[in-house]
Amino acid sequence: MLSLVLGYLVLALISRAQEAAGHMTCDCDPDCWCRKRGLSLFRWVFPRFHHNPGLDAWEKRRLEAEA
């Protein structure tokens, strides 16, 4: 369990460094959970449930295609 938690923390720190270097950018809405102080560290480790307009549109198209 400890190694899993440490693994997520290491991934979070690495992705944060890549974001600071400009290799990744987040274009989520300002009210997204990933913009909250402290939680932004885990933005790239837990990439689900973001409030990204492009992602929301893709999900809507996918659901319409299945129907």
Protein backbone atom coordinates (compact mmCIF):
# COMPACT_ATOMS: atom_id res chain seq x y z
CA MET A 1 0.00 0.00 0.00
CA LEU A 2 2.81 2.38 0.89
CA SER A 3 4.58 1.71 -2.41
CA LEU A 4 1.36 2.51 -4.29
CA VAL A 5 0.99 5.83 -2.48
CA LEU A 6 4.65 6.68 -3.04
CA GLY A 7 4.32 5.74 -6.72
CA TYR A 8 1.41 8.15 -7.18
CA LEU A 9 3.32 10.88 -5.38
CA VAL A 10 6.40 10.38 -7.56
CA LEU A 11 4.26 10.43 -10.72
CA ALA A 12 2.54 13.58 -9.50
CA LEU A 13 5.85 15.33 -8.87
CA ILE A 14 7.24 14.29 -12.25
CA SER A 15 4.13 15.45 -14.11
CA ARG A 16 4.16 18.74 -12.17
CA ALA A 17 7.76 19.32 -13.27
CA GLN A 18 6.81 18.57 -16.89
CA GLU A 19 3.92 21.02 -16.64
CA ALA A 20 6.21 23.70 -15.20
CA ALA A 21 8.63 23.11 -18.08
CA GLY A 22 5.79 23.70 -20.55
CA HIS A 23 5.53 20.14 -21.88
CA MET A 24 1.91 19.75 -20.71
CA THR A 25 -0.87 22.29 -20.28
CA CYS A 26 -4.26 22.06 -18.65
CA ASP A 27 -7.13 23.81 -20.38
CA CYS A 28 -9.82 22.90 -17.87
CA ASP A 29 -12.43 25.34 -16.66
CA PRO A 30 -11.38 27.61 -13.77
CA ASP A 31 -13.75 25.80 -11.40
CA CYS A 32 -12.34 22.32 -12.11
CA TRP A 33 -11.04 20.34 -9.13
CA CYS A 34 -7.59 20.23 -10.70
CA ARG A 35 -7.24 24.00 -10.32
CA LYS A 36 -7.69 23.86 -6.53
CA ARG A 37 -4.65 24.53 -4.42
CA GLY A 38 -3.04 21.26 -3.34
CA LEU A 39 -5.09 19.14 -5.71
CA SER A 40 -3.37 20.52 -8.79
CA LEU A 41 -0.38 18.33 -7.93
CA PHE A 42 -2.45 15.30 -8.92
CA ARG A 43 -3.88 16.80 -12.12
CA TRP A 44 -2.03 14.43 -14.46
CA VAL A 45 -2.04 11.38 -12.19
CA PHE A 46 -5.85 11.32 -11.94
CA PRO A 47 -6.92 12.64 -15.34
CA ARG A 48 -10.57 11.64 -14.97
CA PHE A 49 -13.53 13.85 -14.13
CA HIS A 50 -11.99 17.08 -15.38
CA HIS A 51 -14.25 19.89 -16.58
CA ASN A 52 -12.62 20.31 -19.95
CA PRO A 53 -14.89 21.70 -22.71
CA GLY A 54 -13.22 19.55 -25.37
CA LEU A 55 -13.50 16.43 -23.26
CA ASP A 56 -17.14 17.18 -22.44
CA ALA A 57 -17.95 17.57 -26.15
CA TRP A 58 -16.15 14.32 -26.97
CA GLU A 59 -18.07 12.47 -24.26
CA LYS A 60 -21.37 13.87 -25.56
CA ARG A 61 -20.58 12.75 -29.12
CA ARG A 62 -19.57 9.29 -27.87
CA LEU A 63 -22.83 8.89 -25.94
CA GLU A 64 -24.87 10.05 -28.95
CA ALA A 65 -23.07 7.55 -31.20
CA GLU A 66 -23.89 4.70 -28.83
CA ALA A 67 -27.60 5.57 -28.76
